[in-house]
Amino acid sequence: MSLSFISLWLSTLLFSPSPAAKPEPKPAAVEASVSMIPWSGQKRLTWDDFAGSPASENQHHALTSTNMEMKVKCEKNQLKFRVEAVFNPRESWTKNRKSAALLAHEQLHFDLTELHARMLRKRLAELPNACSRGAADLNRYANEAFTNWHKEQDLYDSQCHHGLDKARQQEWVENVAARLQELEQYAS
């Protein structure tokens, strides 16, 4: 059985505690050379990774576009899969390249994407008789993963008021770090 590529996208709008600055235009050559950035514990996002341009009427200070990409296939009745959390620089932008607090908030959105990718990797690794389940079952698991990921991204912004509530933001940072550690064996 061969299953198709499933791609799950999330773009998150975020507010900043700092006043908005005019977006800095990126040269066309830079934008053309920008590719997806896979999540890594060693590589943290920088404002240089945000290559997109916001619409002038957009009230938000930043937008982070992350993706969980999932490829699944069966070989010799064994499920082979790859789930990767990636950051899309072309669709991510900021109006405030000076705020470290806003960048940390954006990074946690990417970290949440990796957390949910690990949760999906764990679920797929533990599935009994995965190849006999069929594409519909596996697509259902991917859709559930997307729904849970999306809900947690929304909850994160809601609870810490898009990073403005520093105490709640720190609680989220600690919680996500602990959960990533718990699922370390499912890191890509």
C-alpha atoms as a PDB file:
ATOM      1  CA  MET A   1       0.000   0.000   0.000  1.00  0.00           C
ATOM      2  CA  SER A   2       1.285   3.454  -0.833  1.00  0.00           C
ATOM      3  CA  LEU A   3      -0.124   6.480   0.909  1.00  0.00           C
ATOM      4  CA  SER A   4       0.010   9.997  -0.335  1.00  0.00           C
ATOM      5  CA  PHE A   5       1.906  12.933   1.074  1.00  0.00           C
ATOM      6  CA  ILE A   6      -0.053  14.847   3.688  1.00  0.00           C
ATOM      7  CA  SER A   7       0.883  18.409   4.453  1.00  0.00           C
ATOM      8  CA  LEU A   8      -0.570  20.314   7.370  1.00  0.00           C
ATOM      9  CA  TRP A   9      -0.144  24.086   7.479  1.00  0.00           C
ATOM     10  CA  LEU A  10      -0.571  26.625  10.206  1.00  0.00           C
ATOM     11  CA  SER A  11      -0.121  30.350  10.055  1.00  0.00           C
ATOM     12  CA  THR A  12      -0.419  32.164  13.331  1.00  0.00           C
ATOM     13  CA  LEU A  13      -0.986  35.873  13.837  1.00  0.00           C
ATOM     14  CA  LEU A  14       0.788  37.375  16.799  1.00  0.00           C
ATOM     15  CA  PHE A  15       0.838  40.675  18.612  1.00  0.00           C
ATOM     16  CA  SER A  16       3.848  42.453  20.036  1.00  0.00           C
ATOM     17  CA  PRO A  17       4.161  44.581  23.161  1.00  0.00           C
ATOM     18  CA  SER A  18       6.261  47.068  21.172  1.00  0.00           C
ATOM     19  CA  PRO A  19       4.941  49.614  18.689  1.00  0.00           C
ATOM     20  CA  ALA A  20       4.904  48.565  15.063  1.00  0.00           C
ATOM     21  CA  ALA A  21       7.796  49.542  12.871  1.00  0.00           C
ATOM     22  CA  LYS A  22       7.656  49.766   9.087  1.00  0.00           C
ATOM     23  CA  PRO A  23       8.403  46.383   7.535  1.00  0.00           C
ATOM     24  CA  GLU A  24      11.857  46.192   6.011  1.00  0.00           C
ATOM     25  CA  PRO A  25      11.679  45.115   2.374  1.00  0.00           C
ATOM     26  CA  LYS A  26      13.691  42.048   1.393  1.00  0.00           C
ATOM     27  CA  PRO A  27      15.609  42.037  -1.893  1.00  0.00           C
ATOM     28  CA  ALA A  28      14.013  39.748  -4.492  1.00  0.00           C
ATOM     29  CA  ALA A  29      17.201  37.655  -4.692  1.00  0.00           C
ATOM     30  CA  VAL A  30      17.020  36.928  -0.958  1.00  0.00           C
ATOM     31  CA  GLU A  31      13.348  35.947  -1.133  1.00  0.00           C
ATOM     32  CA  ALA A  32      13.936  33.609  -4.066  1.00  0.00           C
ATOM     33  CA  SER A  33      16.700  31.747  -2.220  1.00  0.00           C
ATOM     34  CA  VAL A  34      14.709  31.198   0.986  1.00  0.00           C
ATOM     35  CA  SER A  35      13.626  27.623   1.685  1.00  0.00           C
ATOM     36  CA  MET A  36      11.857  25.778   4.486  1.00  0.00           C
ATOM     37  CA  ILE A  37      13.723  25.580   7.792  1.00  0.00           C
ATOM     38  CA  PRO A  38      13.399  22.265   9.628  1.00  0.00           C
ATOM     39  CA  TRP A  39      12.967  22.476  13.402  1.00  0.00           C
ATOM     40  CA  SER A  40      16.151  21.963  15.383  1.00  0.00           C
ATOM     41  CA  GLY A  41      16.937  22.284  19.058  1.00  0.00           C
ATOM     42  CA  GLN A  42      20.251  23.859  18.081  1.00  0.00           C
ATOM     43  CA  LYS A  43      18.931  26.415  15.587  1.00  0.00           C
ATOM     44  CA  ARG A  44      16.646  29.065  16.949  1.00  0.00           C
ATOM     45  CA  LEU A  45      14.767  31.473  14.718  1.00  0.00           C
ATOM     46  CA  THR A  46      16.170  34.929  14.051  1.00  0.00           C
ATOM     47  CA  TRP A  47      14.389  37.871  12.519  1.00  0.00           C
ATOM     48  CA  ASP A  48      16.433  37.242   9.370  1.00  0.00           C
ATOM     49  CA  ASP A  49      14.400  34.044   8.920  1.00  0.00           C
ATOM     50  CA  PHE A  50      11.213  36.101   8.476  1.00  0.00           C
ATOM     51  CA  ALA A  51      11.355  36.903   4.748  1.00  0.00           C
ATOM     52  CA  GLY A  52       7.698  37.603   4.027  1.00  0.00           C
ATOM     53  CA  SER A  53       6.082  41.009   3.678  1.00  0.00           C
ATOM     54  CA  PRO A  54       3.021  41.934   5.725  1.00  0.00           C
ATOM     55  CA  ALA A  55       0.050  43.669   4.194  1.00  0.00           C
ATOM     56  CA  SER A  56       0.203  47.317   5.208  1.00  0.00           C
ATOM     57  CA  GLU A  57      -3.302  47.193   6.724  1.00  0.00           C
ATOM     58  CA  ASN A  58      -2.484  44.138   8.874  1.00  0.00           C
ATOM     59  CA  GLN A  59      -2.630  45.155  12.544  1.00  0.00           C
ATOM     60  CA  HIS A  60      -0.430  42.321  13.788  1.00  0.00           C
ATOM     61  CA  HIS A  61       3.259  42.645  14.551  1.00  0.00           C
ATOM     62  CA  ALA A  62       4.327  39.238  13.258  1.00  0.00           C
ATOM     63  CA  LEU A  63       3.098  36.121  11.545  1.00  0.00           C
ATOM     64  CA  THR A  64       4.744  32.718  11.857  1.00  0.00           C
ATOM     65  CA  SER A  65       3.979  30.063   9.276  1.00  0.00           C
ATOM     66  CA  THR A  66       4.895  26.545  10.320  1.00  0.00           C
ATOM     67  CA  ASN A  67       4.088  23.203   8.795  1.00  0.00           C
ATOM     68  CA  MET A  68       3.944  19.573   9.800  1.00  0.00           C
ATOM     69  CA  GLU A  69       4.847  17.574   6.722  1.00  0.00           C
ATOM     70  CA  MET A  70       3.997  13.889   6.789  1.00  0.00           C
ATOM     71  CA  LYS A  71       5.049  11.214   4.332  1.00  0.00           C
ATOM     72  CA  VAL A  72       3.815   7.684   4.869  1.00  0.00           C
ATOM     73  CA  LYS A  73       4.256   4.419   2.958  1.00  0.00           C
ATOM     74  CA  CYS A  74       4.237   0.703   3.605  1.00  0.00           C
ATOM     75  CA  GLU A  75       7.169  -1.457   2.630  1.00  0.00           C
ATOM     76  CA  LYS A  76       6.988  -5.191   3.211  1.00  0.00           C
ATOM     77  CA  ASN A  77       3.997  -4.630   5.486  1.00  0.00           C
ATOM     78  CA  GLN A  78       5.980  -2.194   7.673  1.00  0.00           C
ATOM     79  CA  LEU A  79       4.901   1.415   8.099  1.00  0.00           C
ATOM     80  CA  LYS A  80       7.609   3.861   7.065  1.00  0.00           C
ATOM     81  CA  PHE A  81       6.907   7.472   7.864  1.00  0.00           C
ATOM     82  CA  ARG A  82       8.490  10.844   8.166  1.00  0.00           C
ATOM     83  CA  VAL A  83       6.903  13.732  10.046  1.00  0.00           C
ATOM     84  CA  GLU A  84       8.804  16.992   9.979  1.00  0.00           C
ATOM     85  CA  ALA A  85       8.129  20.367  11.571  1.00  0.00           C
ATOM     86  CA  VAL A  86       9.247  23.174   9.277  1.00  0.00           C
ATOM     87  CA  PHE A  87       9.172  26.968   9.296  1.00  0.00           C
ATOM     88  CA  ASN A  88       8.168  28.778   6.107  1.00  0.00           C
ATOM     89  CA  PRO A  89      10.243  31.984   5.809  1.00  0.00           C
ATOM     90  CA  ARG A  90       8.377  33.276   2.742  1.00  0.00           C
ATOM     91  CA  GLU A  91       5.052  33.293   4.578  1.00  0.00           C
ATOM     92  CA  SER A  92       6.451  34.509   7.917  1.00  0.00           C
ATOM     93  CA  TRP A  93       6.980  38.178   8.571  1.00  0.00           C
ATOM     94  CA  THR A  94       7.465  40.789  11.256  1.00  0.00           C
ATOM     95  CA  LYS A  95       7.018  44.521  11.556  1.00  0.00           C
ATOM     96  CA  ASN A  96       9.266  44.666  14.621  1.00  0.00           C
ATOM     97  CA  ARG A  97      12.777  43.270  14.184  1.00  0.00           C
ATOM     98  CA  LYS A  98      13.961  44.630  17.525  1.00  0.00           C
ATOM     99  CA  SER A  99      11.715  42.811  20.011  1.00  0.00           C
ATOM    100  CA  ALA A 100      13.431  39.811  21.594  1.00  0.00           C
ATOM    101  CA  ALA A 101      10.215  39.014  23.491  1.00  0.00           C
ATOM    102  CA  LEU A 102       8.214  38.848  20.248  1.00  0.00           C
ATOM    103  CA  LEU A 103      10.858  36.631  18.635  1.00  0.00           C
ATOM    104  CA  ALA A 104      10.763  34.290  21.644  1.00  0.00           C
ATOM    105  CA  HIS A 105       6.989  34.115  21.329  1.00  0.00           C
ATOM    106  CA  GLU A 106       7.320  33.270  17.633  1.00  0.00           C
ATOM    107  CA  GLN A 107       9.926  30.598  18.398  1.00  0.00           C
ATOM    108  CA  LEU A 108       7.537  28.899  20.799  1.00  0.00           C
ATOM    109  CA  HIS A 109       4.964  28.622  18.007  1.00  0.00           C
ATOM    110  CA  PHE A 110       7.597  26.710  16.024  1.00  0.00           C
ATOM    111  CA  ASP A 111       8.454  24.635  19.110  1.00  0.00           C
ATOM    112  CA  LEU A 112       4.768  23.746  19.496  1.00  0.00           C
ATOM    113  CA  THR A 113       4.783  22.534  15.902  1.00  0.00           C
ATOM    114  CA  GLU A 114       7.723  20.235  16.699  1.00  0.00           C
ATOM    115  CA  LEU A 115       5.969  19.037  19.857  1.00  0.00           C
ATOM    116  CA  HIS A 116       2.914  18.000  17.856  1.00  0.00           C
ATOM    117  CA  ALA A 117       5.109  16.429  15.182  1.00  0.00           C
ATOM    118  CA  ARG A 118       6.702  14.306  17.927  1.00  0.00           C
ATOM    119  CA  MET A 119       3.282  13.362  19.254  1.00  0.00           C
ATOM    120  CA  LEU A 120       2.259  12.232  15.761  1.00  0.00           C
ATOM    121  CA  ARG A 121       5.534  10.319  15.292  1.00  0.00           C
ATOM    122  CA  LYS A 122       4.874   8.533  18.585  1.00  0.00           C
ATOM    123  CA  ARG A 123       1.321   7.666  17.591  1.00  0.00           C
ATOM    124  CA  LEU A 124       2.396   6.309  14.214  1.00  0.00           C
ATOM    125  CA  ALA A 125       5.282   4.329  15.744  1.00  0.00           C
ATOM    126  CA  GLU A 126       2.937   2.666  18.232  1.00  0.00           C
ATOM    127  CA  LEU A 127       0.179   1.765  15.755  1.00  0.00           C
ATOM    128  CA  PRO A 128      -0.375  -1.986  15.626  1.00  0.00           C
ATOM    129  CA  ASN A 129      -0.878  -3.379  12.121  1.00  0.00           C
ATOM    130  CA  ALA A 130      -0.537   0.101  10.640  1.00  0.00           C
ATOM    131  CA  CYS A 131      -0.235  -1.094   7.047  1.00  0.00           C
ATOM    132  CA  SER A 132      -3.473  -3.033   7.220  1.00  0.00           C
ATOM    133  CA  ARG A 133      -5.369   0.037   8.458  1.00  0.00           C
ATOM    134  CA  GLY A 134      -5.512   1.797   5.108  1.00  0.00           C
ATOM    135  CA  ALA A 135      -5.042   5.381   4.043  1.00  0.00           C
ATOM    136  CA  ALA A 136      -8.329   6.582   5.554  1.00  0.00           C
ATOM    137  CA  ASP A 137      -7.243   5.561   9.066  1.00  0.00           C
ATOM    138  CA  LEU A 138      -3.829   7.173   8.705  1.00  0.00           C
ATOM    139  CA  ASN A 139      -5.349  10.333   7.247  1.00  0.00           C
ATOM    140  CA  ARG A 140      -7.708  10.445  10.234  1.00  0.00           C
ATOM    141  CA  TYR A 141      -4.719  10.346  12.611  1.00  0.00           C
ATOM    142  CA  ALA A 142      -3.059  13.138  10.649  1.00  0.00           C
ATOM    143  CA  ASN A 143      -6.230  15.215  10.748  1.00  0.00           C
ATOM    144  CA  GLU A 144      -6.586  14.673  14.501  1.00  0.00           C
ATOM    145  CA  ALA A 145      -2.950  15.726  14.954  1.00  0.00           C
ATOM    146  CA  PHE A 146      -3.609  18.879  12.934  1.00  0.00           C
ATOM    147  CA  THR A 147      -6.731  19.722  14.931  1.00  0.00           C
ATOM    148  CA  ASN A 148      -4.960  19.246  18.273  1.00  0.00           C
ATOM    149  CA  TRP A 149      -1.958  21.265  17.084  1.00  0.00           C
ATOM    150  CA  HIS A 150      -4.141  24.101  15.847  1.00  0.00           C
ATOM    151  CA  LYS A 151      -6.140  24.180  19.097  1.00  0.00           C
ATOM    152  CA  GLU A 152      -2.977  24.328  21.191  1.00  0.00           C
ATOM    153  CA  GLN A 153      -1.544  27.143  19.058  1.00  0.00           C
ATOM    154  CA  ASP A 154      -4.750  29.114  19.654  1.00  0.00           C
ATOM    155  CA  LEU A 155      -4.738  28.291  23.380  1.00  0.00           C
ATOM    156  CA  TYR A 156      -1.127  29.461  23.656  1.00  0.00           C
ATOM    157  CA  ASP A 157      -1.917  32.851  22.112  1.00  0.00           C
ATOM    158  CA  SER A 158      -5.085  33.178  24.157  1.00  0.00           C
ATOM    159  CA  GLN A 159      -3.537  32.323  27.520  1.00  0.00           C
ATOM    160  CA  CYS A 160      -0.450  34.491  27.176  1.00  0.00           C
ATOM    161  CA  HIS A 161      -2.211  37.225  25.196  1.00  0.00           C
ATOM    162  CA  HIS A 162       0.088  36.817  22.196  1.00  0.00           C
ATOM    163  CA  GLY A 163       3.138  37.051  24.452  1.00  0.00           C
ATOM    164  CA  LEU A 164       2.068  40.198  26.315  1.00  0.00           C
ATOM    165  CA  ASP A 165       1.512  38.316  29.598  1.00  0.00           C
ATOM    166  CA  LYS A 166       5.136  37.613  30.469  1.00  0.00           C
ATOM    167  CA  ALA A 167       4.368  35.265  33.383  1.00  0.00           C
ATOM    168  CA  ARG A 168       2.049  33.096  31.278  1.00  0.00           C
ATOM    169  CA  GLN A 169       4.512  33.225  28.381  1.00  0.00           C
ATOM    170  CA  GLN A 170       7.214  31.839  30.680  1.00  0.00           C
ATOM    171  CA  GLU A 171       4.858  29.099  31.900  1.00  0.00           C
ATOM    172  CA  TRP A 172       4.323  28.059  28.287  1.00  0.00           C
ATOM    173  CA  VAL A 173       8.063  28.103  27.579  1.00  0.00           C
ATOM    174  CA  GLU A 174       8.709  25.791  30.530  1.00  0.00           C
ATOM    175  CA  ASN A 175       5.763  23.507  29.750  1.00  0.00           C
ATOM    176  CA  VAL A 176       6.669  23.054  26.094  1.00  0.00           C
ATOM    177  CA  ALA A 177      10.344  22.455  26.924  1.00  0.00           C
ATOM    178  CA  ALA A 178       9.366  19.736  29.430  1.00  0.00           C
ATOM    179  CA  ARG A 179       7.012  18.073  26.956  1.00  0.00           C
ATOM    180  CA  LEU A 180       9.617  18.156  24.194  1.00  0.00           C
ATOM    181  CA  GLN A 181      12.040  16.489  26.590  1.00  0.00           C
ATOM    182  CA  GLU A 182       9.477  13.796  27.464  1.00  0.00           C
ATOM    183  CA  LEU A 183       9.164  12.988  23.756  1.00  0.00           C
ATOM    184  CA  GLU A 184      12.888  13.261  22.984  1.00  0.00           C
ATOM    185  CA  GLN A 185      12.977   9.721  21.598  1.00  0.00           C
ATOM    186  CA  TYR A 186      10.553  10.889  18.877  1.00  0.00           C
ATOM    187  CA  ALA A 187      12.736  13.783  17.719  1.00  0.00           C
ATOM    188  CA  SER A 188      13.477  13.554  14.013  1.00  0.00           C
END
